[in-house]
Amino acid sequence: MFLRQRIRNLSFVVFLSSSCSLLLATPTSITYQGSLKQNGALVNGTYTMSFNITNVDGSQVYWPSGPMSVLVQEGLYRVELTPINVDWANIDPYIQTLIGSNKLSPPEKITNTSYALMAKDLVNGAVTQPKISTGAVTDAAVHDVAAGKITGTLTTSQIGNAQVADANIATMAASKLTGPLALATVNALSSLKFDGFETLKILQIQQYVTTGQFSTRSTTFVSTNLTGTFTPKLATSKVLLLASGNFSASANTVGYATIARNNTNLAPTLGGFAVGVSNNNYCLTMVDYDSPATVSPINYTVQIRSNVGAAPVYFPISDGGSYSSTAVLIAIEIAQ
């Protein structure tokens, strides 16, 4: 017969002296130890034992260990218990021991162990501001902080390298840039501002090409094959125009060329550009700056004329050899 010191008539009991205790082994385990006697003598051997987490009278089992093979030496035994799914915060826990199918009574109260186990999975809202020591929360423990919670000014040393991305920057003064800009960076810029100059932002670039030779004897400007329809994005934009191609005038003839918007000469004060005399071929390059003041489609055209009606002028011209009949017109919209 196994006896507990204060009960001598039960066939299976556990003697719990001051050496019997509940110890916290890990955040999810309990070390339970006790003393076992039979007929007043300490026992040795292996016994099938069970340990349940219950209420005060053992009528409600919160967690059963199931049968365990427990070694008893000189009457002492020690087991590791790993309770799971126990609502420690809302129960008054006891531990009840069984040898085989025999329950040892009464169950033993679990005191501070349950609170130690709760530390692994704190009840929501249990940690309040007074419970957090000053300096206890490190950078690694902070997930994110709303910008509105930050007071004062961040210093350069407080911002890690490569932590500020393009999307985080609204605007930045050019004076903040140090060192040369890489070519790839310059090519990617759509807006530049320099001291003494206003901001220029390119909204679109259109290119128009012709490969057909064109000639005229007209003494007034007529449109060539180099033409294109352009639709501004803003009525306040400026349009930078560049035209290039081979131009030729007959002997003793002066040829003129201009860029027109909807058949309106953009260089009326110049009357166009005098570009060729005496049966010579020239590489014509024109640059003009237009203020269309509309968002409706407009037509840009290179126009040419002769100073005498008897002799033709050509743009573009091809002699079948060194002179190509390809001409190009480029329109660049710039917002202001």
C-alpha atoms as a PDB file:
ATOM      1  CA  MET A   1       0.000   0.000   0.000  1.00  0.00           C
ATOM      2  CA  PHE A   2       1.244   3.471  -0.936  1.00  0.00           C
ATOM      3  CA  LEU A   3       0.787   6.019   1.817  1.00  0.00           C
ATOM      4  CA  ARG A   4       0.848   9.755   2.120  1.00  0.00           C
ATOM      5  CA  GLN A   5       2.086  10.832   5.533  1.00  0.00           C
ATOM      6  CA  ARG A   6      -1.222  12.145   6.793  1.00  0.00           C
ATOM      7  CA  ILE A   7      -3.423   9.435   5.237  1.00  0.00           C
ATOM      8  CA  ARG A   8      -2.709   5.764   5.988  1.00  0.00           C
ATOM      9  CA  ASN A   9      -5.796   3.859   4.792  1.00  0.00           C
ATOM     10  CA  LEU A  10      -5.662   4.556   1.012  1.00  0.00           C
ATOM     11  CA  SER A  11      -4.144   1.951  -1.248  1.00  0.00           C
ATOM     12  CA  PHE A  12      -2.465   4.546  -3.521  1.00  0.00           C
ATOM     13  CA  VAL A  13      -1.487   7.945  -2.234  1.00  0.00           C
ATOM     14  CA  VAL A  14       1.395  10.391  -2.719  1.00  0.00           C
ATOM     15  CA  PHE A  15       3.421  11.711   0.179  1.00  0.00           C
ATOM     16  CA  LEU A  16       4.182  15.403  -0.507  1.00  0.00           C
ATOM     17  CA  SER A  17       6.710  16.869   1.914  1.00  0.00           C
ATOM     18  CA  SER A  18       8.527  20.191   1.625  1.00  0.00           C
ATOM     19  CA  SER A  19      10.496  18.648  -1.226  1.00  0.00           C
ATOM     20  CA  CYS A  20       7.348  18.382  -3.352  1.00  0.00           C
ATOM     21  CA  SER A  21       7.111  21.416  -5.617  1.00  0.00           C
ATOM     22  CA  LEU A  22       6.044  22.812  -8.965  1.00  0.00           C
ATOM     23  CA  LEU A  23       8.961  24.358 -10.829  1.00  0.00           C
ATOM     24  CA  LEU A  24       8.999  26.327 -14.044  1.00  0.00           C
ATOM     25  CA  ALA A  25      11.238  24.414 -16.475  1.00  0.00           C
ATOM     26  CA  THR A  26      10.538  26.285 -19.753  1.00  0.00           C
ATOM     27  CA  PRO A  27       7.875  28.801 -20.767  1.00  0.00           C
ATOM     28  CA  THR A  28       5.566  25.875 -21.687  1.00  0.00           C
ATOM     29  CA  SER A  29       6.596  23.086 -19.219  1.00  0.00           C
ATOM     30  CA  ILE A  30       6.104  22.218 -15.554  1.00  0.00           C
ATOM     31  CA  THR A  31       8.491  20.071 -13.519  1.00  0.00           C
ATOM     32  CA  TYR A  32       6.426  18.147 -10.949  1.00  0.00           C
ATOM     33  CA  GLN A  33       8.121  16.085  -8.229  1.00  0.00           C
ATOM     34  CA  GLY A  34       6.950  14.147  -5.174  1.00  0.00           C
ATOM     35  CA  SER A  35       7.571  11.264  -2.760  1.00  0.00           C
ATOM     36  CA  LEU A  36       5.892   7.856  -2.829  1.00  0.00           C
ATOM     37  CA  LYS A  37       5.729   5.271   0.053  1.00  0.00           C
ATOM     38  CA  GLN A  38       4.287   1.776   0.359  1.00  0.00           C
ATOM     39  CA  ASN A  39       3.470   0.508   3.852  1.00  0.00           C
ATOM     40  CA  GLY A  40       5.573   3.345   5.213  1.00  0.00           C
ATOM     41  CA  ALA A  41       8.648   2.447   3.167  1.00  0.00           C
ATOM     42  CA  LEU A  42      10.061   4.428   0.239  1.00  0.00           C
ATOM     43  CA  VAL A  43       9.440   2.544  -3.000  1.00  0.00           C
ATOM     44  CA  ASN A  44      11.515   1.868  -6.091  1.00  0.00           C
ATOM     45  CA  GLY A  45      10.389   0.847  -9.538  1.00  0.00           C
ATOM     46  CA  THR A  46       8.508   2.061 -12.600  1.00  0.00           C
ATOM     47  CA  TYR A  47       4.820   2.964 -12.294  1.00  0.00           C
ATOM     48  CA  THR A  48       2.121   4.052 -14.720  1.00  0.00           C
ATOM     49  CA  MET A  49       1.014   7.482 -13.553  1.00  0.00           C
ATOM     50  CA  SER A  50      -1.147  10.313 -14.930  1.00  0.00           C
ATOM     51  CA  PHE A  51      -1.306  13.993 -14.053  1.00  0.00           C
ATOM     52  CA  ASN A  52      -4.337  16.196 -14.782  1.00  0.00           C
ATOM     53  CA  ILE A  53      -4.811  19.962 -14.558  1.00  0.00           C
ATOM     54  CA  THR A  54      -8.211  20.298 -12.842  1.00  0.00           C
ATOM     55  CA  ASN A  55     -10.403  22.544 -10.724  1.00  0.00           C
ATOM     56  CA  VAL A  56     -10.316  22.416  -6.922  1.00  0.00           C
ATOM     57  CA  ASP A  57     -12.196  19.124  -6.506  1.00  0.00           C
ATOM     58  CA  GLY A  58     -10.961  17.419  -9.687  1.00  0.00           C
ATOM     59  CA  SER A  59     -14.429  17.362 -11.245  1.00  0.00           C
ATOM     60  CA  GLN A  60     -13.354  19.378 -14.298  1.00  0.00           C
ATOM     61  CA  VAL A  61     -10.232  18.412 -16.219  1.00  0.00           C
ATOM     62  CA  TYR A  62      -8.596  21.256 -18.156  1.00  0.00           C
ATOM     63  CA  TRP A  63      -5.713  19.151 -19.440  1.00  0.00           C
ATOM     64  CA  PRO A  64      -4.792  15.414 -19.039  1.00  0.00           C
ATOM     65  CA  SER A  65      -1.235  14.177 -19.392  1.00  0.00           C
ATOM     66  CA  GLY A  66      -2.350  10.656 -20.242  1.00  0.00           C
ATOM     67  CA  PRO A  67      -0.586   7.566 -18.851  1.00  0.00           C
ATOM     68  CA  MET A  68       3.137   8.038 -18.307  1.00  0.00           C
ATOM     69  CA  SER A  69       5.829   5.531 -17.285  1.00  0.00           C
ATOM     70  CA  VAL A  70       7.431   7.125 -14.214  1.00  0.00           C
ATOM     71  CA  LEU A  71      10.621   5.937 -12.529  1.00  0.00           C
ATOM     72  CA  VAL A  72      10.536   6.089  -8.685  1.00  0.00           C
ATOM     73  CA  GLN A  73      13.868   5.871  -6.845  1.00  0.00           C
ATOM     74  CA  GLU A  74      14.107   5.890  -3.071  1.00  0.00           C
ATOM     75  CA  GLY A  75      10.491   7.003  -3.071  1.00  0.00           C
ATOM     76  CA  LEU A  76      11.195  10.116  -5.210  1.00  0.00           C
ATOM     77  CA  TYR A  77       9.860  10.784  -8.691  1.00  0.00           C
ATOM     78  CA  ARG A  78      10.055  13.723 -11.069  1.00  0.00           C
ATOM     79  CA  VAL A  79       8.076  14.335 -14.282  1.00  0.00           C
ATOM     80  CA  GLU A  80       7.999  16.991 -16.983  1.00  0.00           C
ATOM     81  CA  LEU A  81       4.491  18.136 -17.909  1.00  0.00           C
ATOM     82  CA  THR A  82       3.637  20.227 -20.946  1.00  0.00           C
ATOM     83  CA  PRO A  83       0.054  21.522 -20.642  1.00  0.00           C
ATOM     84  CA  ILE A  84      -1.464  22.973 -23.815  1.00  0.00           C
ATOM     85  CA  ASN A  85      -4.626  24.981 -24.483  1.00  0.00           C
ATOM     86  CA  VAL A  86      -5.068  25.829 -20.798  1.00  0.00           C
ATOM     87  CA  ASP A  87      -6.754  29.169 -20.117  1.00  0.00           C
ATOM     88  CA  TRP A  88      -4.493  30.038 -17.172  1.00  0.00           C
ATOM     89  CA  ALA A  89      -5.886  33.563 -16.898  1.00  0.00           C
ATOM     90  CA  ASN A  90      -9.426  32.397 -16.161  1.00  0.00           C
ATOM     91  CA  ILE A  91      -9.051  29.279 -13.981  1.00  0.00           C
ATOM     92  CA  ASP A  92      -7.897  28.384 -10.471  1.00  0.00           C
ATOM     93  CA  PRO A  93      -5.662  25.418 -11.426  1.00  0.00           C
ATOM     94  CA  TYR A  94      -4.929  22.262  -9.433  1.00  0.00           C
ATOM     95  CA  ILE A  95      -2.930  19.169 -10.355  1.00  0.00           C
ATOM     96  CA  GLN A  96      -4.311  15.694  -9.635  1.00  0.00           C
ATOM     97  CA  THR A  97      -2.132  12.581  -9.630  1.00  0.00           C
ATOM     98  CA  LEU A  98      -3.297   9.110 -10.677  1.00  0.00           C
ATOM     99  CA  ILE A  99      -1.431   5.812 -10.186  1.00  0.00           C
ATOM    100  CA  GLY A 100      -2.971   3.520 -12.732  1.00  0.00           C
ATOM    101  CA  SER A 101      -6.690   4.326 -12.423  1.00  0.00           C
ATOM    102  CA  ASN A 102      -6.508   5.365  -8.771  1.00  0.00           C
ATOM    103  CA  LYS A 103      -6.899   9.084  -8.093  1.00  0.00           C
ATOM    104  CA  LEU A 104      -4.908  10.551  -5.230  1.00  0.00           C
ATOM    105  CA  SER A 105      -6.862  13.152  -3.303  1.00  0.00           C
ATOM    106  CA  PRO A 106      -7.025  15.992  -2.789  1.00  0.00           C
ATOM    107  CA  PRO A 107      -5.587  17.693  -5.941  1.00  0.00           C
ATOM    108  CA  GLU A 108      -2.570  19.948  -5.282  1.00  0.00           C
ATOM    109  CA  LYS A 109      -3.006  23.681  -5.951  1.00  0.00           C
ATOM    110  CA  ILE A 110      -0.792  25.258  -8.623  1.00  0.00           C
ATOM    111  CA  THR A 111       0.287  28.706  -7.498  1.00  0.00           C
ATOM    112  CA  ASN A 112       2.796  30.891  -9.347  1.00  0.00           C
ATOM    113  CA  THR A 113       3.496  28.401 -12.152  1.00  0.00           C
ATOM    114  CA  SER A 114       0.385  29.322 -14.099  1.00  0.00           C
ATOM    115  CA  TYR A 115       1.409  32.971 -14.169  1.00  0.00           C
ATOM    116  CA  ALA A 116       4.843  32.010 -15.428  1.00  0.00           C
ATOM    117  CA  LEU A 117       3.220  30.065 -18.256  1.00  0.00           C
ATOM    118  CA  MET A 118       0.967  33.003 -19.076  1.00  0.00           C
ATOM    119  CA  ALA A 119       4.032  35.132 -19.807  1.00  0.00           C
ATOM    120  CA  LYS A 120       4.521  33.270 -23.068  1.00  0.00           C
ATOM    121  CA  ASP A 121       1.072  34.249 -24.331  1.00  0.00           C
ATOM    122  CA  LEU A 122      -0.020  37.420 -22.549  1.00  0.00           C
ATOM    123  CA  VAL A 123      -3.671  38.318 -22.372  1.00  0.00           C
ATOM    124  CA  ASN A 124      -4.506  41.018 -24.900  1.00  0.00           C
ATOM    125  CA  GLY A 125      -4.177  44.463 -23.382  1.00  0.00           C
ATOM    126  CA  ALA A 126      -2.307  43.197 -20.319  1.00  0.00           C
ATOM    127  CA  VAL A 127       0.852  45.238 -21.037  1.00  0.00           C
ATOM    128  CA  THR A 128       0.204  48.895 -20.273  1.00  0.00           C
ATOM    129  CA  GLN A 129       2.555  51.855 -20.520  1.00  0.00           C
ATOM    130  CA  PRO A 130       3.580  51.838 -16.812  1.00  0.00           C
ATOM    131  CA  LYS A 131       4.706  48.205 -17.191  1.00  0.00           C
ATOM    132  CA  ILE A 132       7.286  49.119 -19.867  1.00  0.00           C
ATOM    133  CA  SER A 133      10.575  50.396 -18.465  1.00  0.00           C
ATOM    134  CA  THR A 134      12.254  53.414 -20.034  1.00  0.00           C
ATOM    135  CA  GLY A 135      14.619  52.216 -22.754  1.00  0.00           C
ATOM    136  CA  ALA A 136      13.232  48.676 -22.682  1.00  0.00           C
ATOM    137  CA  VAL A 137      11.878  48.823 -26.247  1.00  0.00           C
ATOM    138  CA  THR A 138      14.724  48.608 -28.773  1.00  0.00           C
ATOM    139  CA  ASP A 139      14.727  49.385 -32.511  1.00  0.00           C
ATOM    140  CA  ALA A 140      14.456  45.680 -33.355  1.00  0.00           C
ATOM    141  CA  ALA A 141      11.209  45.400 -31.355  1.00  0.00           C
ATOM    142  CA  VAL A 142       9.476  48.293 -33.162  1.00  0.00           C
ATOM    143  CA  HIS A 143       7.416  47.244 -36.202  1.00  0.00           C
ATOM    144  CA  ASP A 144       6.335  50.694 -37.399  1.00  0.00           C
ATOM    145  CA  VAL A 145       5.448  54.107 -35.998  1.00  0.00           C
ATOM    146  CA  ALA A 146       2.979  56.609 -37.447  1.00  0.00           C
ATOM    147  CA  ALA A 147       4.699  59.783 -38.622  1.00  0.00           C
ATOM    148  CA  GLY A 148       2.339  61.816 -36.422  1.00  0.00           C
ATOM    149  CA  LYS A 149       3.879  60.196 -33.319  1.00  0.00           C
ATOM    150  CA  ILE A 150       7.357  61.525 -34.134  1.00  0.00           C
ATOM    151  CA  THR A 151       8.293  64.818 -32.493  1.00  0.00           C
ATOM    152  CA  GLY A 152      11.424  66.865 -33.019  1.00  0.00           C
ATOM    153  CA  THR A 153      13.806  66.582 -35.949  1.00  0.00           C
ATOM    154  CA  LEU A 154      15.439  63.437 -37.285  1.00  0.00           C
ATOM    155  CA  THR A 155      19.175  63.765 -37.716  1.00  0.00           C
ATOM    156  CA  THR A 156      21.177  62.257 -40.555  1.00  0.00           C
ATOM    157  CA  SER A 157      22.663  59.636 -38.241  1.00  0.00           C
ATOM    158  CA  GLN A 158      19.157  58.435 -37.277  1.00  0.00           C
ATOM    159  CA  ILE A 159      18.224  57.576 -40.871  1.00  0.00           C
ATOM    160  CA  GLY A 160      19.744  54.348 -42.167  1.00  0.00           C
ATOM    161  CA  ASN A 161      21.432  54.158 -45.544  1.00  0.00           C
ATOM    162  CA  ALA A 162      19.053  53.563 -48.485  1.00  0.00           C
ATOM    163  CA  GLN A 163      15.973  53.900 -46.222  1.00  0.00           C
ATOM    164  CA  VAL A 164      14.432  56.863 -48.121  1.00  0.00           C
ATOM    165  CA  ALA A 165      13.079  55.789 -51.522  1.00  0.00           C
ATOM    166  CA  ASP A 166      12.013  57.938 -54.497  1.00  0.00           C
ATOM    167  CA  ALA A 167       8.347  57.464 -53.551  1.00  0.00           C
ATOM    168  CA  ASN A 168       9.003  59.030 -50.131  1.00  0.00           C
ATOM    169  CA  ILE A 169      10.377  62.302 -51.571  1.00  0.00           C
ATOM    170  CA  ALA A 170       7.894  65.014 -52.554  1.00  0.00           C
ATOM    171  CA  THR A 171      10.376  67.717 -53.596  1.00  0.00           C
ATOM    172  CA  MET A 172      14.027  68.442 -52.928  1.00  0.00           C
ATOM    173  CA  ALA A 173      16.056  71.590 -53.460  1.00  0.00           C
ATOM    174  CA  ALA A 174      18.845  71.266 -56.013  1.00  0.00           C
ATOM    175  CA  SER A 175      21.249  72.674 -53.407  1.00  0.00           C
ATOM    176  CA  LYS A 176      20.851  69.402 -51.473  1.00  0.00           C
ATOM    177  CA  LEU A 177      22.468  67.429 -54.308  1.00  0.00           C
ATOM    178  CA  THR A 178      26.181  66.755 -53.942  1.00  0.00           C
ATOM    179  CA  GLY A 179      28.550  65.323 -56.510  1.00  0.00           C
ATOM    180  CA  PRO A 180      27.891  64.818 -60.237  1.00  0.00           C
ATOM    181  CA  LEU A 181      24.677  63.299 -61.538  1.00  0.00           C
ATOM    182  CA  ALA A 182      25.083  60.050 -63.462  1.00  0.00           C
ATOM    183  CA  LEU A 183      24.047  60.174 -67.127  1.00  0.00           C
ATOM    184  CA  ALA A 184      21.263  57.651 -66.500  1.00  0.00           C
ATOM    185  CA  THR A 185      19.877  59.925 -63.772  1.00  0.00           C
ATOM    186  CA  VAL A 186      19.890  62.977 -66.027  1.00  0.00           C
ATOM    187  CA  ASN A 187      18.148  61.072 -68.813  1.00  0.00           C
ATOM    188  CA  ALA A 188      15.419  59.994 -66.370  1.00  0.00           C
ATOM    189  CA  LEU A 189      14.646  63.563 -65.226  1.00  0.00           C
ATOM    190  CA  SER A 190      11.484  65.133 -66.621  1.00  0.00           C
ATOM    191  CA  SER A 191      11.865  68.371 -64.687  1.00  0.00           C
ATOM    192  CA  LEU A 192      14.953  70.490 -64.015  1.00  0.00           C
ATOM    193  CA  LYS A 193      15.397  73.785 -62.186  1.00  0.00           C
ATOM    194  CA  PHE A 194      18.606  75.787 -62.043  1.00  0.00           C
ATOM    195  CA  ASP A 195      19.399  79.077 -60.302  1.00  0.00           C
ATOM    196  CA  GLY A 196      18.163  81.915 -62.502  1.00  0.00           C
ATOM    197  CA  PHE A 197      16.000  79.667 -64.687  1.00  0.00           C
ATOM    198  CA  GLU A 198      12.395  78.620 -64.314  1.00  0.00           C
ATOM    199  CA  THR A 199      11.367  75.000 -64.074  1.00  0.00           C
ATOM    200  CA  LEU A 200      11.117  73.205 -67.430  1.00  0.00           C
ATOM    201  CA  LYS A 201       9.143  69.973 -67.625  1.00  0.00           C
ATOM    202  CA  ILE A 202       8.935  67.953 -70.824  1.00  0.00           C
ATOM    203  CA  LEU A 203       5.405  66.625 -71.350  1.00  0.00           C
ATOM    204  CA  GLN A 204       5.845  64.853 -74.691  1.00  0.00           C
ATOM    205  CA  ILE A 205       8.120  64.486 -77.722  1.00  0.00           C
ATOM    206  CA  GLN A 206       6.803  63.700 -81.199  1.00  0.00           C
ATOM    207  CA  GLN A 207       8.856  62.978 -84.330  1.00  0.00           C
ATOM    208  CA  TYR A 208       7.662  63.215 -87.949  1.00  0.00           C
ATOM    209  CA  VAL A 209       9.637  61.867 -90.931  1.00  0.00           C
ATOM    210  CA  THR A 210       9.346  62.097 -94.705  1.00  0.00           C
ATOM    211  CA  THR A 211      11.430  60.328 -97.344  1.00  0.00           C
ATOM    212  CA  GLY A 212       9.833  61.835-100.453  1.00  0.00           C
ATOM    213  CA  GLN A 213      11.530  64.643-102.418  1.00  0.00           C
ATOM    214  CA  PHE A 214       9.438  67.808-102.736  1.00  0.00           C
ATOM    215  CA  SER A 215       9.910  70.861-105.020  1.00  0.00           C
ATOM    216  CA  THR A 216       8.058  74.070-105.841  1.00  0.00           C
ATOM    217  CA  ARG A 217       8.430  77.220-107.990  1.00  0.00           C
ATOM    218  CA  SER A 218       5.953  79.159-105.831  1.00  0.00           C
ATOM    219  CA  THR A 219       7.039  82.546-104.556  1.00  0.00           C
ATOM    220  CA  THR A 220       4.741  82.127-101.547  1.00  0.00           C
ATOM    221  CA  PHE A 221       5.199  79.471 -98.880  1.00  0.00           C
ATOM    222  CA  VAL A 222       3.736  76.053 -99.654  1.00  0.00           C
ATOM    223  CA  SER A 223       3.708  72.970 -97.431  1.00  0.00           C
ATOM    224  CA  THR A 224       6.220  70.171 -98.062  1.00  0.00           C
ATOM    225  CA  ASN A 225       5.770  66.485 -97.317  1.00  0.00           C
ATOM    226  CA  LEU A 226       7.291  67.032 -93.859  1.00  0.00           C
ATOM    227  CA  THR A 227       4.212  67.534 -91.691  1.00  0.00           C
ATOM    228  CA  GLY A 228       2.619  66.139 -88.528  1.00  0.00           C
ATOM    229  CA  THR A 229      -0.388  66.523 -86.226  1.00  0.00           C
ATOM    230  CA  PHE A 230       0.462  67.507 -82.651  1.00  0.00           C
ATOM    231  CA  THR A 231      -1.947  67.731 -79.668  1.00  0.00           C
ATOM    232  CA  PRO A 232      -0.669  69.789 -76.694  1.00  0.00           C
ATOM    233  CA  LYS A 233      -1.443  68.476 -73.196  1.00  0.00           C
ATOM    234  CA  LEU A 234      -1.677  71.977 -71.672  1.00  0.00           C
ATOM    235  CA  ALA A 235      -2.872  75.252 -73.186  1.00  0.00           C
ATOM    236  CA  THR A 236      -0.043  77.070 -71.385  1.00  0.00           C
ATOM    237  CA  SER A 237       2.721  74.885 -72.823  1.00  0.00           C
ATOM    238  CA  LYS A 238       5.484  75.952 -75.182  1.00  0.00           C
ATOM    239  CA  VAL A 239       6.501  73.758 -78.125  1.00  0.00           C
ATOM    240  CA  LEU A 240      10.120  73.577 -79.220  1.00  0.00           C
ATOM    241  CA  LEU A 241      10.369  72.700 -82.934  1.00  0.00           C
ATOM    242  CA  LEU A 242      13.428  71.317 -84.740  1.00  0.00           C
ATOM    243  CA  ALA A 243      13.523  70.529 -88.458  1.00  0.00           C
ATOM    244  CA  SER A 244      16.379  69.073 -90.504  1.00  0.00           C
ATOM    245  CA  GLY A 245      16.882  67.856 -94.067  1.00  0.00           C
ATOM    246  CA  ASN A 246      18.677  68.541 -97.382  1.00  0.00           C
ATOM    247  CA  PHE A 247      17.593  71.740 -99.162  1.00  0.00           C
ATOM    248  CA  SER A 248      18.462  72.869-102.695  1.00  0.00           C
ATOM    249  CA  ALA A 249      17.851  75.886-104.901  1.00  0.00           C
ATOM    250  CA  SER A 250      18.291  76.234-108.649  1.00  0.00           C
ATOM    251  CA  ALA A 251      20.955  78.476-110.221  1.00  0.00           C
ATOM    252  CA  ASN A 252      20.590  82.148-109.394  1.00  0.00           C
ATOM    253  CA  THR A 253      17.697  81.349-107.096  1.00  0.00           C
ATOM    254  CA  VAL A 254      17.255  82.020-103.412  1.00  0.00           C
ATOM    255  CA  GLY A 255      15.153  79.508-101.521  1.00  0.00           C
ATOM    256  CA  TYR A 256      13.336  80.167 -98.244  1.00  0.00           C
ATOM    257  CA  ALA A 257      12.040  77.786 -95.631  1.00  0.00           C
ATOM    258  CA  THR A 258       9.969  78.130 -92.463  1.00  0.00           C
ATOM    259  CA  ILE A 259       7.953  76.124 -89.951  1.00  0.00           C
ATOM    260  CA  ALA A 260       4.215  76.802 -89.975  1.00  0.00           C
ATOM    261  CA  ARG A 261       1.449  76.023 -87.484  1.00  0.00           C
ATOM    262  CA  ASN A 262      -1.857  75.422 -89.300  1.00  0.00           C
ATOM    263  CA  ASN A 263      -0.339  77.176 -92.366  1.00  0.00           C
ATOM    264  CA  THR A 264       0.672  80.214 -90.273  1.00  0.00           C
ATOM    265  CA  ASN A 265       4.354  81.168 -90.661  1.00  0.00           C
ATOM    266  CA  LEU A 266       6.037  81.059 -87.240  1.00  0.00           C
ATOM    267  CA  ALA A 267       8.790  83.448 -88.415  1.00  0.00           C
ATOM    268  CA  PRO A 268       6.838  86.193 -90.191  1.00  0.00           C
ATOM    269  CA  THR A 269       9.295  88.968 -89.329  1.00  0.00           C
ATOM    270  CA  LEU A 270      12.099  87.058 -91.031  1.00  0.00           C
ATOM    271  CA  GLY A 271      10.000  85.985 -93.962  1.00  0.00           C
ATOM    272  CA  GLY A 272      11.479  82.540 -93.455  1.00  0.00           C
ATOM    273  CA  PHE A 273      15.128  81.464 -93.646  1.00  0.00           C
ATOM    274  CA  ALA A 274      17.179  82.179 -96.799  1.00  0.00           C
ATOM    275  CA  VAL A 275      18.910  78.850 -97.232  1.00  0.00           C
ATOM    276  CA  GLY A 276      20.250  78.352-100.742  1.00  0.00           C
ATOM    277  CA  VAL A 277      21.536  80.082-103.878  1.00  0.00           C
ATOM    278  CA  SER A 278      23.023  79.181-107.247  1.00  0.00           C
ATOM    279  CA  ASN A 279      22.208  75.492-107.603  1.00  0.00           C
ATOM    280  CA  ASN A 280      23.753  74.440-104.291  1.00  0.00           C
ATOM    281  CA  ASN A 281      22.602  71.802-101.824  1.00  0.00           C
ATOM    282  CA  TYR A 282      22.557  72.552 -98.099  1.00  0.00           C
ATOM    283  CA  CYS A 283      21.796  70.644 -94.931  1.00  0.00           C
ATOM    284  CA  LEU A 284      18.944  72.716 -93.536  1.00  0.00           C
ATOM    285  CA  THR A 285      18.414  72.890 -89.762  1.00  0.00           C
ATOM    286  CA  MET A 286      15.695  75.111 -88.267  1.00  0.00           C
ATOM    287  CA  VAL A 287      14.750  75.721 -84.631  1.00  0.00           C
ATOM    288  CA  ASP A 288      11.592  77.553 -83.564  1.00  0.00           C
ATOM    289  CA  TYR A 289       9.629  78.133 -80.368  1.00  0.00           C
ATOM    290  CA  ASP A 290       5.820  78.159 -80.481  1.00  0.00           C
ATOM    291  CA  SER A 291       3.048  79.116 -78.020  1.00  0.00           C
ATOM    292  CA  PRO A 292      -0.024  77.363 -79.466  1.00  0.00           C
ATOM    293  CA  ALA A 293      -2.352  78.230 -76.492  1.00  0.00           C
ATOM    294  CA  THR A 294      -4.644  75.275 -77.192  1.00  0.00           C
ATOM    295  CA  VAL A 295      -5.159  71.608 -76.376  1.00  0.00           C
ATOM    296  CA  SER A 296      -6.776  70.893 -79.737  1.00  0.00           C
ATOM    297  CA  PRO A 297      -4.868  69.056 -82.501  1.00  0.00           C
ATOM    298  CA  ILE A 298      -2.650  71.346 -84.561  1.00  0.00           C
ATOM    299  CA  ASN A 299      -0.571  70.773 -87.685  1.00  0.00           C
ATOM    300  CA  TYR A 300       3.132  71.635 -87.920  1.00  0.00           C
ATOM    301  CA  THR A 301       4.630  71.738 -91.413  1.00  0.00           C
ATOM    302  CA  VAL A 302       7.908  72.727 -93.032  1.00  0.00           C
ATOM    303  CA  GLN A 303       7.103  75.190 -95.872  1.00  0.00           C
ATOM    304  CA  ILE A 304       9.384  76.464 -98.667  1.00  0.00           C
ATOM    305  CA  ARG A 305       9.278  79.052-101.455  1.00  0.00           C
ATOM    306  CA  SER A 306      11.424  80.454-104.251  1.00  0.00           C
ATOM    307  CA  ASN A 307      12.331  84.109-104.803  1.00  0.00           C
ATOM    308  CA  VAL A 308      11.672  83.747-108.528  1.00  0.00           C
ATOM    309  CA  GLY A 309       8.865  81.793-110.107  1.00  0.00           C
ATOM    310  CA  ALA A 310      10.924  80.339-112.931  1.00  0.00           C
ATOM    311  CA  ALA A 311      13.311  78.201-110.893  1.00  0.00           C
ATOM    312  CA  PRO A 312      12.336  75.486-108.368  1.00  0.00           C
ATOM    313  CA  VAL A 313      13.573  74.904-104.838  1.00  0.00           C
ATOM    314  CA  TYR A 314      13.692  71.464-103.161  1.00  0.00           C
ATOM    315  CA  PHE A 315      13.099  70.108 -99.656  1.00  0.00           C
ATOM    316  CA  PRO A 316      14.017  67.464 -99.084  1.00  0.00           C
ATOM    317  CA  ILE A 317      16.139  66.690-102.140  1.00  0.00           C
ATOM    318  CA  SER A 318      17.835  63.510-103.225  1.00  0.00           C
ATOM    319  CA  ASP A 319      20.439  63.322-105.955  1.00  0.00           C
ATOM    320  CA  GLY A 320      20.476  59.553-105.855  1.00  0.00           C
ATOM    321  CA  GLY A 321      23.887  59.612-104.216  1.00  0.00           C
ATOM    322  CA  SER A 322      25.260  61.590-101.270  1.00  0.00           C
ATOM    323  CA  TYR A 323      22.071  63.570-100.589  1.00  0.00           C
ATOM    324  CA  SER A 324      19.246  61.771 -98.811  1.00  0.00           C
ATOM    325  CA  SER A 325      15.586  62.608 -99.268  1.00  0.00           C
ATOM    326  CA  THR A 326      14.889  61.896 -95.584  1.00  0.00           C
ATOM    327  CA  ALA A 327      13.845  64.919 -93.476  1.00  0.00           C
ATOM    328  CA  VAL A 328      12.808  65.066 -89.831  1.00  0.00           C
ATOM    329  CA  LEU A 329      10.592  67.379 -87.748  1.00  0.00           C
ATOM    330  CA  ILE A 330      10.619  67.067 -83.937  1.00  0.00           C
ATOM    331  CA  ALA A 331       8.076  68.739 -81.620  1.00  0.00           C
ATOM    332  CA  ILE A 332       8.807  68.935 -77.858  1.00  0.00           C
ATOM    333  CA  GLU A 333       6.078  70.151 -75.466  1.00  0.00           C
ATOM    334  CA  ILE A 334       7.420  71.965 -72.403  1.00  0.00           C
ATOM    335  CA  ALA A 335       5.192  72.872 -69.439  1.00  0.00           C
ATOM    336  CA  GLN A 336       5.703  76.180 -67.637  1.00  0.00           C
END
